[in-house]
């Protein structure tokens, strides 16, 4: 995985990235689309979760009999924002539409929405877009409002707190 150590003695609670990707894929397949894409972040040591989502989304789409294109782009600190948006717009223009697209998270989905707006690509008519996190503010303030998969962050937090509570009571994590 790279972003966490499976054999570590330190407990690690995380979301089920494969289930998240499958939910996004099922939603887009349910719309009757035949072309698919995944917009990811460039890989780092700390975002293996994004790679898991991309791999599982493409696997699910492939198993349904369709191809899936993946875009990662480059790291986009503020000083490279214009260049990264131009690169994203160029990729979006090359996609045969309509296309169902999942972004690795809501912030990446917002990047896609901004690139679509700047490049004259219609959402959801040309690109049906799904994000991840279900961030209320981000989803409601974008135009059009963003469809997003809830990743269960509250449940992850509760489980992590329960493990910590057991550890503080002297019990080893399971």
C-alpha atoms as a PDB file:
ATOM      1  CA  UNK A   1       0.000   0.000   0.000  1.00  0.00           C
ATOM      2  CA  UNK A   2       2.789   2.429   0.816  1.00  0.00           C
ATOM      3  CA  UNK A   3       0.731   4.895   2.823  1.00  0.00           C
ATOM      4  CA  UNK A   4       0.336   2.610   5.819  1.00  0.00           C
ATOM      5  CA  UNK A   5       2.135  -0.450   7.104  1.00  0.00           C
ATOM      6  CA  UNK A   6      -0.167  -3.485   7.203  1.00  0.00           C
ATOM      7  CA  UNK A   7       1.985  -5.358   9.718  1.00  0.00           C
ATOM      8  CA  UNK A   8       2.491  -2.408  12.034  1.00  0.00           C
ATOM      9  CA  UNK A   9       1.630  -2.801  15.696  1.00  0.00           C
ATOM     10  CA  UNK A  10       0.037   0.629  15.503  1.00  0.00           C
ATOM     11  CA  UNK A  11      -3.657   0.323  14.587  1.00  0.00           C
ATOM     12  CA  UNK A  12      -4.730   1.958  11.340  1.00  0.00           C
ATOM     13  CA  UNK A  13      -8.404   2.539  10.570  1.00  0.00           C
ATOM     14  CA  UNK A  14      -9.282   3.420   7.006  1.00  0.00           C
ATOM     15  CA  UNK A  15     -12.091   3.545   4.509  1.00  0.00           C
ATOM     16  CA  UNK A  16     -12.800   0.729   2.071  1.00  0.00           C
ATOM     17  CA  UNK A  17     -11.445   2.314  -1.100  1.00  0.00           C
ATOM     18  CA  UNK A  18     -12.475  -0.643  -3.226  1.00  0.00           C
ATOM     19  CA  UNK A  19     -16.100  -0.365  -2.101  1.00  0.00           C
ATOM     20  CA  UNK A  20     -16.008   3.399  -2.710  1.00  0.00           C
ATOM     21  CA  UNK A  21     -14.771   2.867  -6.275  1.00  0.00           C
ATOM     22  CA  UNK A  22     -17.383   0.183  -6.932  1.00  0.00           C
ATOM     23  CA  UNK A  23     -20.175   2.497  -5.749  1.00  0.00           C
ATOM     24  CA  UNK A  24     -19.004   5.205  -8.140  1.00  0.00           C
ATOM     25  CA  UNK A  25     -18.706   2.735 -11.012  1.00  0.00           C
ATOM     26  CA  UNK A  26     -22.149   1.247 -10.329  1.00  0.00           C
ATOM     27  CA  UNK A  27     -23.702   4.712 -10.321  1.00  0.00           C
ATOM     28  CA  UNK A  28     -22.136   5.653 -13.662  1.00  0.00           C
ATOM     29  CA  UNK A  29     -22.890   2.277 -15.262  1.00  0.00           C
ATOM     30  CA  UNK A  30     -26.475   2.694 -14.071  1.00  0.00           C
ATOM     31  CA  UNK A  31     -26.735   5.845 -16.181  1.00  0.00           C
ATOM     32  CA  UNK A  32     -26.280   3.704 -19.297  1.00  0.00           C
ATOM     33  CA  UNK A  33     -22.902   5.197 -20.229  1.00  0.00           C
ATOM     34  CA  UNK A  34     -20.436   3.269 -22.397  1.00  0.00           C
ATOM     35  CA  UNK A  35     -17.197   5.295 -21.916  1.00  0.00           C
ATOM     36  CA  UNK A  36     -15.443   5.849 -18.613  1.00  0.00           C
ATOM     37  CA  UNK A  37     -12.540   7.718 -17.057  1.00  0.00           C
ATOM     38  CA  UNK A  38     -10.950   8.248 -13.666  1.00  0.00           C
ATOM     39  CA  UNK A  39      -9.285  11.509 -12.616  1.00  0.00           C
ATOM     40  CA  UNK A  40      -6.622  10.916  -9.994  1.00  0.00           C
ATOM     41  CA  UNK A  41      -4.014  12.866  -8.078  1.00  0.00           C
ATOM     42  CA  UNK A  42      -0.382  12.336  -9.040  1.00  0.00           C
ATOM     43  CA  UNK A  43       0.986   9.509  -6.853  1.00  0.00           C
ATOM     44  CA  UNK A  44       2.800  10.323  -3.620  1.00  0.00           C
ATOM     45  CA  UNK A  45       3.905   8.247  -0.637  1.00  0.00           C
ATOM     46  CA  UNK A  46       0.813   9.344   1.273  1.00  0.00           C
ATOM     47  CA  UNK A  47      -2.016   8.959  -1.251  1.00  0.00           C
ATOM     48  CA  UNK A  48      -2.056   5.234  -1.986  1.00  0.00           C
ATOM     49  CA  UNK A  49      -5.781   5.402  -1.252  1.00  0.00           C
ATOM     50  CA  UNK A  50      -6.236   7.266  -4.562  1.00  0.00           C
ATOM     51  CA  UNK A  51      -4.388   4.546  -6.471  1.00  0.00           C
ATOM     52  CA  UNK A  52      -6.590   1.894  -4.843  1.00  0.00           C
ATOM     53  CA  UNK A  53      -9.709   3.779  -5.928  1.00  0.00           C
ATOM     54  CA  UNK A  54      -8.465   4.193  -9.510  1.00  0.00           C
ATOM     55  CA  UNK A  55      -7.452   0.546  -9.837  1.00  0.00           C
ATOM     56  CA  UNK A  56     -10.728  -0.780  -8.452  1.00  0.00           C
ATOM     57  CA  UNK A  57     -12.855   1.627 -10.516  1.00  0.00           C
ATOM     58  CA  UNK A  58     -11.104   0.572 -13.736  1.00  0.00           C
ATOM     59  CA  UNK A  59     -11.279  -3.115 -12.758  1.00  0.00           C
ATOM     60  CA  UNK A  60     -15.030  -2.880 -12.175  1.00  0.00           C
ATOM     61  CA  UNK A  61     -15.560  -0.973 -15.440  1.00  0.00           C
ATOM     62  CA  UNK A  62     -13.408  -3.507 -17.342  1.00  0.00           C
ATOM     63  CA  UNK A  63     -15.385  -6.399 -15.845  1.00  0.00           C
ATOM     64  CA  UNK A  64     -18.549  -4.713 -17.149  1.00  0.00           C
ATOM     65  CA  UNK A  65     -17.002  -4.824 -20.631  1.00  0.00           C
ATOM     66  CA  UNK A  66     -15.785  -1.234 -21.022  1.00  0.00           C
ATOM     67  CA  UNK A  67     -12.469   0.593 -21.186  1.00  0.00           C
ATOM     68  CA  UNK A  68     -11.381   3.180 -18.630  1.00  0.00           C
ATOM     69  CA  UNK A  69      -8.918   6.016 -19.127  1.00  0.00           C
ATOM     70  CA  UNK A  70      -6.988   7.380 -16.137  1.00  0.00           C
ATOM     71  CA  UNK A  71      -5.590  10.871 -15.756  1.00  0.00           C
ATOM     72  CA  UNK A  72      -3.155  11.829 -13.009  1.00  0.00           C
ATOM     73  CA  UNK A  73      -1.584  15.038 -14.266  1.00  0.00           C
ATOM     74  CA  UNK A  74       1.115  16.679 -12.224  1.00  0.00           C
ATOM     75  CA  UNK A  75       1.329  17.996  -8.715  1.00  0.00           C
ATOM     76  CA  UNK A  76      -0.479  21.287  -8.727  1.00  0.00           C
ATOM     77  CA  UNK A  77       0.728  23.696  -6.128  1.00  0.00           C
ATOM     78  CA  UNK A  78      -0.741  27.157  -6.513  1.00  0.00           C
ATOM     79  CA  UNK A  79       2.105  28.410  -8.716  1.00  0.00           C
ATOM     80  CA  UNK A  80       1.400  25.648 -11.275  1.00  0.00           C
ATOM     81  CA  UNK A  81      -2.400  25.907 -11.143  1.00  0.00           C
ATOM     82  CA  UNK A  82      -2.829  27.383 -14.624  1.00  0.00           C
ATOM     83  CA  UNK A  83      -0.543  24.789 -16.208  1.00  0.00           C
ATOM     84  CA  UNK A  84      -2.239  21.879 -14.417  1.00  0.00           C
ATOM     85  CA  UNK A  85      -5.677  23.145 -15.432  1.00  0.00           C
ATOM     86  CA  UNK A  86      -4.536  23.503 -19.060  1.00  0.00           C
ATOM     87  CA  UNK A  87      -3.239  19.923 -19.019  1.00  0.00           C
ATOM     88  CA  UNK A  88      -6.514  18.684 -17.522  1.00  0.00           C
ATOM     89  CA  UNK A  89      -8.535  20.630 -20.132  1.00  0.00           C
ATOM     90  CA  UNK A  90      -6.481  19.045 -22.934  1.00  0.00           C
ATOM     91  CA  UNK A  91      -7.182  15.562 -21.583  1.00  0.00           C
ATOM     92  CA  UNK A  92     -10.897  16.312 -21.181  1.00  0.00           C
ATOM     93  CA  UNK A  93     -11.111  17.541 -24.788  1.00  0.00           C
ATOM     94  CA  UNK A  94      -9.659  14.226 -26.036  1.00  0.00           C
ATOM     95  CA  UNK A  95     -12.294  12.109 -24.281  1.00  0.00           C
ATOM     96  CA  UNK A  96     -15.037  10.734 -26.513  1.00  0.00           C
ATOM     97  CA  UNK A  97     -18.275  11.913 -24.948  1.00  0.00           C
ATOM     98  CA  UNK A  98     -20.523  11.263 -23.203  1.00  0.00           C
ATOM     99  CA  UNK A  99     -18.264   9.806 -20.535  1.00  0.00           C
ATOM    100  CA  UNK A 100     -18.791   8.697 -16.950  1.00  0.00           C
ATOM    101  CA  UNK A 101     -15.964   9.944 -14.769  1.00  0.00           C
ATOM    102  CA  UNK A 102     -15.035   9.333 -11.177  1.00  0.00           C
ATOM    103  CA  UNK A 103     -12.580  11.595  -9.407  1.00  0.00           C
ATOM    104  CA  UNK A 104     -10.503  10.250  -6.522  1.00  0.00           C
ATOM    105  CA  UNK A 105     -11.966  12.851  -4.151  1.00  0.00           C
ATOM    106  CA  UNK A 106     -14.165  15.944  -4.143  1.00  0.00           C
ATOM    107  CA  UNK A 107     -11.252  18.353  -4.514  1.00  0.00           C
ATOM    108  CA  UNK A 108     -10.119  16.581  -7.688  1.00  0.00           C
ATOM    109  CA  UNK A 109     -13.724  16.554  -8.927  1.00  0.00           C
ATOM    110  CA  UNK A 110     -13.790  20.322  -8.369  1.00  0.00           C
ATOM    111  CA  UNK A 111     -10.649  20.635 -10.514  1.00  0.00           C
ATOM    112  CA  UNK A 112     -12.477  18.720 -13.253  1.00  0.00           C
ATOM    113  CA  UNK A 113     -15.542  20.957 -12.947  1.00  0.00           C
ATOM    114  CA  UNK A 114     -13.393  24.083 -13.247  1.00  0.00           C
ATOM    115  CA  UNK A 115     -11.578  22.680 -16.288  1.00  0.00           C
ATOM    116  CA  UNK A 116     -14.915  21.757 -17.884  1.00  0.00           C
ATOM    117  CA  UNK A 117     -16.303  25.229 -17.294  1.00  0.00           C
ATOM    118  CA  UNK A 118     -13.211  26.879 -18.770  1.00  0.00           C
ATOM    119  CA  UNK A 119     -13.133  24.479 -21.734  1.00  0.00           C
ATOM    120  CA  UNK A 120     -16.822  24.540 -22.610  1.00  0.00           C
ATOM    121  CA  UNK A 121     -17.452  20.927 -21.586  1.00  0.00           C
ATOM    122  CA  UNK A 122     -20.950  20.386 -20.192  1.00  0.00           C
ATOM    123  CA  UNK A 123     -21.511  18.575 -16.895  1.00  0.00           C
ATOM    124  CA  UNK A 124     -23.424  16.238 -16.660  1.00  0.00           C
ATOM    125  CA  UNK A 125     -24.358  16.099 -20.372  1.00  0.00           C
ATOM    126  CA  UNK A 126     -20.807  15.543 -21.699  1.00  0.00           C
ATOM    127  CA  UNK A 127     -19.173  14.285 -18.506  1.00  0.00           C
ATOM    128  CA  UNK A 128     -21.187  12.673 -15.729  1.00  0.00           C
ATOM    129  CA  UNK A 129     -18.924  13.253 -12.733  1.00  0.00           C
ATOM    130  CA  UNK A 130     -18.761  11.553  -9.335  1.00  0.00           C
ATOM    131  CA  UNK A 131     -16.462  12.614  -6.499  1.00  0.00           C
ATOM    132  CA  UNK A 132     -15.640  11.055  -3.131  1.00  0.00           C
ATOM    133  CA  UNK A 133     -16.046  12.473   0.396  1.00  0.00           C
ATOM    134  CA  UNK A 134     -19.532  13.935   0.033  1.00  0.00           C
ATOM    135  CA  UNK A 135     -18.243  17.239   1.408  1.00  0.00           C
ATOM    136  CA  UNK A 136     -21.509  19.163   1.897  1.00  0.00           C
ATOM    137  CA  UNK A 137     -20.045  22.590   1.247  1.00  0.00           C
ATOM    138  CA  UNK A 138     -18.014  21.593  -1.790  1.00  0.00           C
ATOM    139  CA  UNK A 139     -20.821  19.535  -3.310  1.00  0.00           C
ATOM    140  CA  UNK A 140     -23.480  22.212  -2.874  1.00  0.00           C
ATOM    141  CA  UNK A 141     -21.399  25.236  -3.868  1.00  0.00           C
ATOM    142  CA  UNK A 142     -20.188  23.815  -7.180  1.00  0.00           C
ATOM    143  CA  UNK A 143     -22.218  24.390 -10.316  1.00  0.00           C
ATOM    144  CA  UNK A 144     -23.697  22.004 -11.084  1.00  0.00           C
ATOM    145  CA  UNK A 145     -23.856  20.452  -7.607  1.00  0.00           C
ATOM    146  CA  UNK A 146     -21.417  17.563  -7.316  1.00  0.00           C
ATOM    147  CA  UNK A 147     -22.537  13.958  -6.943  1.00  0.00           C
ATOM    148  CA  UNK A 148     -20.263  12.283  -4.426  1.00  0.00           C
ATOM    149  CA  UNK A 149     -19.741   8.965  -2.633  1.00  0.00           C
ATOM    150  CA  UNK A 150     -19.805   9.145   1.161  1.00  0.00           C
ATOM    151  CA  UNK A 151     -16.622   7.475   2.374  1.00  0.00           C
ATOM    152  CA  UNK A 152     -17.743   6.870   5.942  1.00  0.00           C
ATOM    153  CA  UNK A 153     -15.317   9.230   7.690  1.00  0.00           C
ATOM    154  CA  UNK A 154     -17.552   9.452  10.780  1.00  0.00           C
ATOM    155  CA  UNK A 155     -17.558   5.662  11.122  1.00  0.00           C
ATOM    156  CA  UNK A 156     -13.780   5.561  10.694  1.00  0.00           C
ATOM    157  CA  UNK A 157     -13.438   8.180  13.435  1.00  0.00           C
ATOM    158  CA  UNK A 158     -15.709   6.242  15.775  1.00  0.00           C
ATOM    159  CA  UNK A 159     -13.794   3.012  15.204  1.00  0.00           C
ATOM    160  CA  UNK A 160     -10.453   4.758  15.771  1.00  0.00           C
ATOM    161  CA  UNK A 161     -11.782   6.296  19.001  1.00  0.00           C
ATOM    162  CA  UNK A 162     -13.059   2.902  20.178  1.00  0.00           C
ATOM    163  CA  UNK A 163      -9.652   1.296  19.523  1.00  0.00           C
ATOM    164  CA  UNK A 164      -7.913   4.123  21.375  1.00  0.00           C
ATOM    165  CA  UNK A 165     -10.317   3.746  24.293  1.00  0.00           C
ATOM    166  CA  UNK A 166      -9.600  -0.003  24.525  1.00  0.00           C
ATOM    167  CA  UNK A 167      -5.843   0.650  24.327  1.00  0.00           C
ATOM    168  CA  UNK A 168      -6.058   3.279  27.062  1.00  0.00           C
ATOM    169  CA  UNK A 169      -7.850   0.644  29.161  1.00  0.00           C
ATOM    170  CA  UNK A 170      -4.873  -1.654  28.772  1.00  0.00           C
ATOM    171  CA  UNK A 171      -6.163  -3.908  26.013  1.00  0.00           C
ATOM    172  CA  UNK A 172      -4.066  -4.667  22.950  1.00  0.00           C
ATOM    173  CA  UNK A 173      -5.562  -3.730  19.583  1.00  0.00           C
ATOM    174  CA  UNK A 174      -7.102  -6.624  17.657  1.00  0.00           C
END
